[in-house]
Amino acid sequence: MIIQMFDYVSDFGGNKDTAKQLRVEKIMPAISKGKKVVLDFADVNGVTQSFVHALIAEAIREFPEEVFELVEFRHCTRDVQVVVEIVAEYMQEGSD
């Protein structure tokens, strides 16, 4: 499944409710079935840390081994990539 993030957030992802909706309705159901999810950030210039946390933290918590095989972040700007890495590292440290 490919999720075009621009369709949900326009050029900036900051709405945690939108992130939660994507997580609940699309990301978690796919991961729980072992299906790959591509989060395509083409044309998205930035995101907040709270947005990314709402988007993927539960998946990292529930599927710590599988999540990084099943969830791919595509076409991220450097700013988006940095925020994703921060959240991923924080969540992995918290699960140790």
N, C-alpha and C. Protein backbone atom coordinates (compact mmCIF):
# COMPACT_ATOMS: atom_id res chain seq x y z
N MET A 1 0.84 -1.17 0.00
CA MET A 1 0.00 0.00 0.00
C MET A 1 0.90 1.24 0.00
N ILE A 2 0.59 2.18 -0.88
CA ILE A 2 1.31 3.45 -0.92
C ILE A 2 0.36 4.54 -0.45
N ILE A 3 0.81 5.30 0.54
CA ILE A 3 0.03 6.42 1.05
C ILE A 3 0.73 7.70 0.61
N GLN A 4 0.07 8.46 -0.23
CA GLN A 4 0.61 9.74 -0.69
C GLN A 4 0.33 10.78 0.41
N MET A 5 1.33 11.07 1.19
CA MET A 5 1.14 11.93 2.37
C MET A 5 0.65 13.33 1.99
N PHE A 6 1.06 13.83 0.84
CA PHE A 6 0.61 15.17 0.42
C PHE A 6 -0.91 15.24 0.33
N ASP A 7 -1.54 14.14 -0.05
CA ASP A 7 -3.00 14.11 -0.15
C ASP A 7 -3.68 14.34 1.19
N TYR A 8 -2.97 14.05 2.27
CA TYR A 8 -3.54 14.18 3.62
C TYR A 8 -3.07 15.42 4.36
N VAL A 9 -1.83 15.86 4.05
CA VAL A 9 -1.24 16.94 4.86
C VAL A 9 -0.84 18.17 4.05
N SER A 10 -1.00 18.13 2.76
CA SER A 10 -0.52 19.19 1.89
C SER A 10 1.00 19.27 2.05
N ASP A 11 1.57 20.45 2.15
CA ASP A 11 3.03 20.52 2.18
C ASP A 11 3.63 20.47 3.58
N PHE A 12 2.79 20.37 4.64
CA PHE A 12 3.32 20.30 6.00
C PHE A 12 2.46 19.40 6.87
N GLY A 13 3.08 18.40 7.47
CA GLY A 13 2.38 17.48 8.35
C GLY A 13 2.49 17.91 9.79
N GLY A 14 1.41 18.45 10.32
CA GLY A 14 1.43 18.90 11.70
C GLY A 14 0.20 18.52 12.50
N ASN A 15 -0.82 18.01 11.83
CA ASN A 15 -2.08 17.70 12.51
C ASN A 15 -2.03 16.26 13.05
N LYS A 16 -1.96 16.14 14.37
CA LYS A 16 -1.87 14.82 15.00
C LYS A 16 -3.12 13.98 14.75
N ASP A 17 -4.27 14.62 14.61
CA ASP A 17 -5.49 13.87 14.34
C ASP A 17 -5.44 13.19 12.97
N THR A 18 -4.87 13.88 12.01
CA THR A 18 -4.69 13.29 10.68
C THR A 18 -3.74 12.10 10.76
N ALA A 19 -2.65 12.27 11.49
CA ALA A 19 -1.68 11.19 11.66
C ALA A 19 -2.33 9.99 12.33
N LYS A 20 -3.11 10.25 13.37
CA LYS A 20 -3.78 9.16 14.08
C LYS A 20 -4.75 8.43 13.16
N GLN A 21 -5.50 9.18 12.37
CA GLN A 21 -6.45 8.56 11.44
C GLN A 21 -5.72 7.64 10.45
N LEU A 22 -4.61 8.11 9.91
CA LEU A 22 -3.83 7.28 8.99
C LEU A 22 -3.31 6.03 9.70
N ARG A 23 -2.84 6.22 10.92
CA ARG A 23 -2.31 5.09 11.68
C ARG A 23 -3.40 4.05 11.94
N VAL A 24 -4.54 4.50 12.42
CA VAL A 24 -5.63 3.59 12.80
C VAL A 24 -6.28 2.93 11.59
N GLU A 25 -6.53 3.71 10.55
CA GLU A 25 -7.29 3.20 9.41
C GLU A 25 -6.45 2.50 8.34
N LYS A 26 -5.17 2.85 8.25
CA LYS A 26 -4.37 2.30 7.15
C LYS A 26 -3.11 1.58 7.61
N ILE A 27 -2.28 2.25 8.42
CA ILE A 27 -0.96 1.70 8.75
C ILE A 27 -1.06 0.46 9.62
N MET A 28 -1.73 0.56 10.76
CA MET A 28 -1.79 -0.58 11.68
C MET A 28 -2.50 -1.79 11.09
N PRO A 29 -3.64 -1.62 10.39
CA PRO A 29 -4.26 -2.81 9.79
C PRO A 29 -3.34 -3.51 8.78
N ALA A 30 -2.62 -2.74 7.99
CA ALA A 30 -1.72 -3.34 7.00
C ALA A 30 -0.58 -4.08 7.69
N ILE A 31 0.06 -3.44 8.66
CA ILE A 31 1.19 -4.07 9.35
C ILE A 31 0.75 -5.33 10.08
N SER A 32 -0.41 -5.27 10.71
CA SER A 32 -0.88 -6.44 11.45
C SER A 32 -1.11 -7.65 10.53
N LYS A 33 -1.30 -7.38 9.24
CA LYS A 33 -1.45 -8.46 8.26
C LYS A 33 -0.14 -8.78 7.55
N GLY A 34 0.95 -8.12 7.97
CA GLY A 34 2.25 -8.36 7.35
C GLY A 34 2.43 -7.70 6.01
N LYS A 35 1.61 -6.70 5.71
CA LYS A 35 1.69 -6.02 4.42
C LYS A 35 2.58 -4.78 4.52
N LYS A 36 3.27 -4.49 3.43
CA LYS A 36 4.17 -3.33 3.37
C LYS A 36 3.36 -2.04 3.19
N VAL A 37 3.81 -1.00 3.88
CA VAL A 37 3.20 0.33 3.78
C VAL A 37 4.30 1.31 3.35
N VAL A 38 4.05 2.03 2.28
CA VAL A 38 4.98 3.06 1.82
C VAL A 38 4.35 4.41 2.14
N LEU A 39 5.04 5.20 2.96
CA LEU A 39 4.61 6.56 3.27
C LEU A 39 5.40 7.48 2.35
N ASP A 40 4.75 7.94 1.30
CA ASP A 40 5.42 8.74 0.27
C ASP A 40 5.24 10.22 0.60
N PHE A 41 6.34 10.86 0.97
CA PHE A 41 6.32 12.26 1.39
C PHE A 41 6.68 13.22 0.25
N ALA A 42 6.48 12.82 -0.99
CA ALA A 42 6.74 13.70 -2.13
C ALA A 42 5.95 15.00 -1.96
N ASP A 43 6.62 16.13 -2.13
CA ASP A 43 6.04 17.47 -2.05
C ASP A 43 5.66 17.90 -0.64
N VAL A 44 5.99 17.10 0.37
CA VAL A 44 5.79 17.50 1.77
C VAL A 44 7.11 18.08 2.24
N ASN A 45 7.10 19.36 2.64
CA ASN A 45 8.34 20.05 3.00
C ASN A 45 8.75 19.86 4.45
N GLY A 46 7.80 19.56 5.32
CA GLY A 46 8.15 19.41 6.72
C GLY A 46 7.05 18.71 7.50
N VAL A 47 7.43 18.24 8.69
CA VAL A 47 6.50 17.59 9.61
C VAL A 47 6.93 17.94 11.03
N THR A 48 5.98 17.88 11.95
CA THR A 48 6.35 18.06 13.35
C THR A 48 6.70 16.70 13.95
N GLN A 49 7.45 16.74 15.03
CA GLN A 49 7.79 15.51 15.72
C GLN A 49 6.53 14.84 16.27
N SER A 50 5.59 15.63 16.75
CA SER A 50 4.36 15.05 17.29
C SER A 50 3.53 14.38 16.19
N PHE A 51 3.56 14.90 14.97
CA PHE A 51 2.86 14.28 13.85
C PHE A 51 3.45 12.91 13.56
N VAL A 52 4.76 12.83 13.45
CA VAL A 52 5.41 11.56 13.13
C VAL A 52 5.21 10.57 14.28
N HIS A 53 5.28 11.06 15.51
CA HIS A 53 5.04 10.19 16.66
C HIS A 53 3.64 9.60 16.59
N ALA A 54 2.64 10.43 16.32
CA ALA A 54 1.26 9.94 16.21
C ALA A 54 1.11 8.98 15.03
N LEU A 55 1.92 9.15 14.02
CA LEU A 55 1.84 8.32 12.81
C LEU A 55 2.42 6.92 13.02
N ILE A 56 3.57 6.82 13.71
CA ILE A 56 4.27 5.53 13.73
C ILE A 56 4.63 4.97 15.09
N ALA A 57 4.49 5.73 16.17
CA ALA A 57 4.95 5.25 17.48
C ALA A 57 4.26 3.95 17.90
N GLU A 58 2.97 3.87 17.71
CA GLU A 58 2.24 2.66 18.10
C GLU A 58 2.73 1.46 17.30
N ALA A 59 3.00 1.65 16.04
CA ALA A 59 3.50 0.56 15.20
C ALA A 59 4.86 0.08 15.69
N ILE A 60 5.73 1.00 16.09
CA ILE A 60 7.05 0.63 16.60
C ILE A 60 6.90 -0.13 17.91
N ARG A 61 5.99 0.32 18.76
CA ARG A 61 5.74 -0.33 20.05
C ARG A 61 5.18 -1.74 19.87
N GLU A 62 4.21 -1.89 19.00
CA GLU A 62 3.53 -3.17 18.85
C GLU A 62 4.28 -4.16 17.95
N PHE A 63 5.01 -3.65 16.98
CA PHE A 63 5.71 -4.51 16.02
C PHE A 63 7.17 -4.08 15.89
N PRO A 64 7.93 -4.12 17.00
CA PRO A 64 9.30 -3.56 16.97
C PRO A 64 10.23 -4.23 15.97
N GLU A 65 10.04 -5.50 15.72
CA GLU A 65 10.91 -6.20 14.78
C GLU A 65 10.49 -5.97 13.33
N GLU A 66 9.20 -5.98 13.09
CA GLU A 66 8.69 -5.95 11.72
C GLU A 66 8.54 -4.56 11.15
N VAL A 67 8.34 -3.57 12.00
CA VAL A 67 7.93 -2.25 11.51
C VAL A 67 8.90 -1.65 10.50
N PHE A 68 10.19 -1.81 10.72
CA PHE A 68 11.15 -1.18 9.81
C PHE A 68 11.36 -1.98 8.54
N GLU A 69 10.82 -3.19 8.50
CA GLU A 69 10.80 -3.96 7.26
C GLU A 69 9.53 -3.66 6.47
N LEU A 70 8.45 -3.35 7.19
CA LEU A 70 7.15 -3.19 6.54
C LEU A 70 6.77 -1.74 6.24
N VAL A 71 7.39 -0.79 6.92
CA VAL A 71 7.07 0.62 6.69
C VAL A 71 8.26 1.29 6.03
N GLU A 72 8.01 1.87 4.87
CA GLU A 72 9.06 2.57 4.14
C GLU A 72 8.68 4.05 4.01
N PHE A 73 9.64 4.89 4.29
CA PHE A 73 9.47 6.34 4.12
C PHE A 73 10.15 6.72 2.82
N ARG A 74 9.38 7.28 1.90
CA ARG A 74 9.89 7.55 0.56
C ARG A 74 9.79 9.05 0.26
N HIS A 75 10.74 9.54 -0.50
CA HIS A 75 10.77 10.93 -0.99
C HIS A 75 10.73 11.96 0.14
N CYS A 76 11.44 11.67 1.21
CA CYS A 76 11.49 12.61 2.34
C CYS A 76 12.52 13.69 2.09
N THR A 77 12.16 14.94 2.42
CA THR A 77 13.17 15.98 2.44
C THR A 77 14.11 15.67 3.60
N ARG A 78 15.22 16.36 3.65
CA ARG A 78 16.16 16.16 4.76
C ARG A 78 15.47 16.48 6.09
N ASP A 79 14.68 17.54 6.13
CA ASP A 79 13.98 17.92 7.36
C ASP A 79 13.02 16.83 7.83
N VAL A 80 12.26 16.26 6.90
CA VAL A 80 11.33 15.19 7.25
C VAL A 80 12.11 13.96 7.72
N GLN A 81 13.17 13.63 7.02
CA GLN A 81 13.98 12.47 7.37
C GLN A 81 14.54 12.59 8.79
N VAL A 82 15.02 13.78 9.14
CA VAL A 82 15.58 13.99 10.47
C VAL A 82 14.52 13.75 11.55
N VAL A 83 13.32 14.26 11.35
CA VAL A 83 12.25 14.09 12.33
C VAL A 83 11.87 12.61 12.45
N VAL A 84 11.76 11.91 11.34
CA VAL A 84 11.44 10.49 11.37
C VAL A 84 12.52 9.73 12.14
N GLU A 85 13.78 10.04 11.88
CA GLU A 85 14.87 9.37 12.58
C GLU A 85 14.84 9.64 14.08
N ILE A 86 14.54 10.87 14.47
CA ILE A 86 14.46 11.22 15.89
C ILE A 86 13.38 10.39 16.57
N VAL A 87 12.21 10.34 15.98
CA VAL A 87 11.09 9.59 16.58
C VAL A 87 11.42 8.10 16.63
N ALA A 88 11.97 7.56 15.55
CA ALA A 88 12.30 6.13 15.52
C ALA A 88 13.33 5.79 16.59
N GLU A 89 14.37 6.61 16.72
CA GLU A 89 15.40 6.35 17.72
C GLU A 89 14.83 6.46 19.13
N TYR A 90 14.02 7.46 19.38
CA TYR A 90 13.39 7.65 20.69
C TYR A 90 12.53 6.44 21.05
N MET A 91 11.74 5.98 20.11
CA MET A 91 10.86 4.84 20.38
C MET A 91 11.65 3.56 20.59
N GLN A 92 12.72 3.37 19.86
CA GLN A 92 13.53 2.17 20.03
C GLN A 92 14.24 2.20 21.38
N GLU A 93 14.72 3.35 21.80
CA GLU A 93 15.36 3.46 23.11
C GLU A 93 14.39 3.18 24.22
N GLY A 94 13.15 3.64 24.04
CA GLY A 94 12.12 3.42 25.06
C GLY A 94 11.69 1.99 25.19
N SER A 95 11.94 1.18 24.17
CA SER A 95 11.51 -0.22 24.22
C SER A 95 12.60 -1.15 24.76
N ASP A 96 13.77 -0.61 25.02
CA ASP A 96 14.86 -1.45 25.57
C ASP A 96 14.65 -1.79 27.03
